[in-house]
Amino acid sequence: MGEKNFYIKTKKFKNNFLLKRKQFIIDVSHPEDANISKKELQKKLASIYKISDPSTIFLFGFKTHFGGLKSTGLGFIYENLKAARQIEPRYRLMRNGLIEITKSSSKQRKERKNRSKKIRGIEKQKIKSGK
C-alpha cells in the first residue's frame, strides 16, 4: 500500500493547564480513503506538534460526514504519560495500549461477589481484590 493522502486541520485549540493537556477538535480530509486510522493520525499530529511520544495523544469521537471525504473528532495531547494515566478513563488507556486488563471468567467473578456478601470489613476488601 502506498502513502495515504490526508490533511489535518485543528480548531478550537486550547491549553488546559489544570489537566496538563492541550485539547482540540480535529478535522481530517481524506478524499481517497474511507477513513484514516487513529494510529496514523497520532503519528501525523506528533510530527506537526513536535511531540516525542505519540502515546500521549488521545483521539476519539470521530464522525464521518455524509458522503465521506471528511471526518471530525476530538483530541487531547498530554504533557506526559503520568498525567494521561491519572485523567483518562480506563477504556481509552486500553485503546492506546497503555494498560492491559485481564478478565477472569464470569463464574469466577460471580463466586467472588457471592463470597464477599458473606464477609464484612477488611476481609471483604481482600476478597474483592482477588487475594
Protein backbone atom coordinates (compact mmCIF):
# COMPACT_ATOMS: atom_id res chain seq x y z
CA MET A 1 0.00 0.00 0.00
CA GLY A 2 1.22 3.45 -0.84
CA GLU A 3 1.29 6.62 1.18
CA LYS A 4 -2.19 7.71 2.26
CA ASN A 5 -3.18 11.21 1.24
CA PHE A 6 -4.99 13.11 4.01
CA TYR A 7 -4.95 16.56 5.55
CA ILE A 8 -5.37 17.55 9.18
CA LYS A 9 -6.79 20.80 10.49
CA THR A 10 -7.20 21.53 14.21
CA LYS A 11 -9.63 24.09 15.55
CA LYS A 12 -10.73 25.33 18.99
CA PHE A 13 -7.21 24.57 20.22
CA LYS A 14 -6.97 25.18 23.96
CA ASN A 15 -4.26 24.71 26.59
CA ASN A 16 -5.82 23.17 29.69
CA PHE A 17 -3.26 23.79 32.42
CA LEU A 18 -5.29 22.14 35.20
CA LEU A 19 -5.49 18.82 33.35
CA LYS A 20 -1.98 19.19 31.84
CA ARG A 21 -3.14 18.79 28.27
CA LYS A 22 -3.88 20.53 25.01
CA GLN A 23 -7.36 19.86 23.68
CA PHE A 24 -8.76 20.47 20.23
CA ILE A 25 -11.24 19.47 17.55
CA ILE A 26 -9.61 17.74 14.62
CA ASP A 27 -10.89 17.84 11.04
CA VAL A 28 -9.45 15.19 8.74
CA SER A 29 -9.91 15.49 5.00
CA HIS A 30 -9.38 12.11 3.29
CA PRO A 31 -10.58 12.30 -0.32
CA GLU A 32 -9.12 8.95 -1.42
CA ASP A 33 -9.86 6.75 1.61
CA ALA A 34 -12.97 5.79 3.57
CA ASN A 35 -11.31 6.55 6.91
CA ILE A 36 -7.87 7.08 8.41
CA SER A 37 -6.71 5.01 11.40
CA LYS A 38 -6.10 6.76 14.71
CA LYS A 39 -2.52 5.46 14.79
CA GLU A 40 -1.74 7.25 11.52
CA LEU A 41 -3.37 10.43 12.82
CA GLN A 42 -1.33 10.17 16.03
CA LYS A 43 1.91 9.93 14.05
CA LYS A 44 0.98 12.90 11.87
CA LEU A 45 -0.03 15.04 14.88
CA ALA A 46 3.19 14.08 16.67
CA SER A 47 5.21 15.34 13.71
CA ILE A 48 3.14 18.54 13.39
CA TYR A 49 3.32 19.49 17.08
CA LYS A 50 6.85 18.06 17.60
CA ILE A 51 5.87 15.50 20.25
CA SER A 52 8.43 12.81 21.03
CA ASP A 53 5.97 10.22 22.40
CA PRO A 54 2.84 9.71 20.27
CA SER A 55 1.21 7.60 23.02
CA THR A 56 0.42 10.86 24.88
CA ILE A 57 -2.00 11.75 22.06
CA PHE A 58 -5.58 10.54 22.56
CA LEU A 59 -8.04 10.73 19.65
CA PHE A 60 -11.70 9.75 19.93
CA GLY A 61 -15.26 10.55 18.92
CA PHE A 62 -14.77 10.58 15.16
CA LYS A 63 -17.79 11.04 12.93
CA THR A 64 -17.52 10.66 9.17
CA HIS A 65 -19.52 13.27 7.29
CA PHE A 66 -22.19 12.20 4.83
CA GLY A 67 -20.56 11.23 1.54
CA GLY A 68 -17.20 10.53 3.15
CA LEU A 69 -14.20 12.72 2.34
CA LYS A 70 -14.14 14.33 5.81
CA SER A 71 -14.19 13.24 9.46
CA THR A 72 -14.33 15.24 12.68
CA GLY A 73 -13.25 14.16 16.16
CA LEU A 74 -11.69 15.25 19.44
CA GLY A 75 -8.08 15.08 20.53
CA PHE A 76 -6.01 15.51 23.67
CA ILE A 77 -2.24 15.88 23.88
CA TYR A 78 -0.95 15.31 27.41
CA GLU A 79 2.31 16.73 28.77
CA ASN A 80 3.43 13.29 29.96
CA LEU A 81 2.17 9.74 30.42
CA LYS A 82 1.67 10.18 34.17
CA ALA A 83 -0.90 12.94 33.61
CA ALA A 84 -2.64 10.84 30.94
CA ARG A 85 -2.89 7.81 33.24
CA GLN A 86 -4.37 9.93 36.04
CA ILE A 87 -7.01 11.69 33.97
CA GLU A 88 -8.04 9.46 31.05
CA PRO A 89 -10.67 6.76 31.61
CA ARG A 90 -9.52 3.14 31.58
CA TYR A 91 -11.13 2.25 28.25
CA ARG A 92 -9.18 4.99 26.44
CA LEU A 93 -5.97 3.88 28.10
CA MET A 94 -6.70 0.36 26.83
CA ARG A 95 -7.30 1.67 23.30
CA ASN A 96 -3.96 3.47 23.34
CA GLY A 97 -2.19 0.38 24.67
CA LEU A 98 -1.07 1.94 27.96
CA ILE A 99 -2.75 -0.68 30.19
CA GLU A 100 -3.95 -4.24 29.77
CA ILE A 101 -6.86 -5.63 31.70
CA THR A 102 -7.08 -9.38 32.14
CA LYS A 103 -10.62 -10.51 32.77
CA SER A 104 -11.35 -13.65 34.72
CA SER A 105 -14.22 -15.92 33.75
CA SER A 106 -17.75 -14.85 34.61
CA LYS A 107 -18.12 -17.79 37.00
CA GLN A 108 -15.06 -16.66 38.99
CA ARG A 109 -16.42 -13.11 39.19
CA LYS A 110 -19.80 -14.36 40.44
CA GLU A 111 -18.18 -16.62 43.05
CA ARG A 112 -16.03 -13.75 44.32
CA LYS A 113 -19.10 -11.48 44.50
CA ASN A 114 -21.09 -14.06 46.49
CA ARG A 115 -18.17 -14.75 48.87
CA SER A 116 -17.89 -11.02 49.55
CA LYS A 117 -21.57 -10.90 50.51
CA LYS A 118 -20.92 -13.24 53.45
CA ILE A 119 -17.96 -11.31 54.90
CA ARG A 120 -17.68 -7.81 56.35
CA GLY A 121 -14.82 -5.38 56.96
CA ILE A 122 -11.19 -5.76 55.91
CA GLU A 123 -11.57 -9.37 54.78
CA LYS A 124 -14.17 -8.20 52.23
CA GLN A 125 -11.58 -5.92 50.59
CA LYS A 126 -9.11 -8.80 50.37
CA ILE A 127 -11.66 -10.96 48.57
CA LYS A 128 -12.64 -8.18 46.15
CA SER A 129 -9.01 -7.62 45.19
CA GLY A 130 -8.73 -11.33 44.36
CA LYS A 131 -6.40 -12.47 47.14
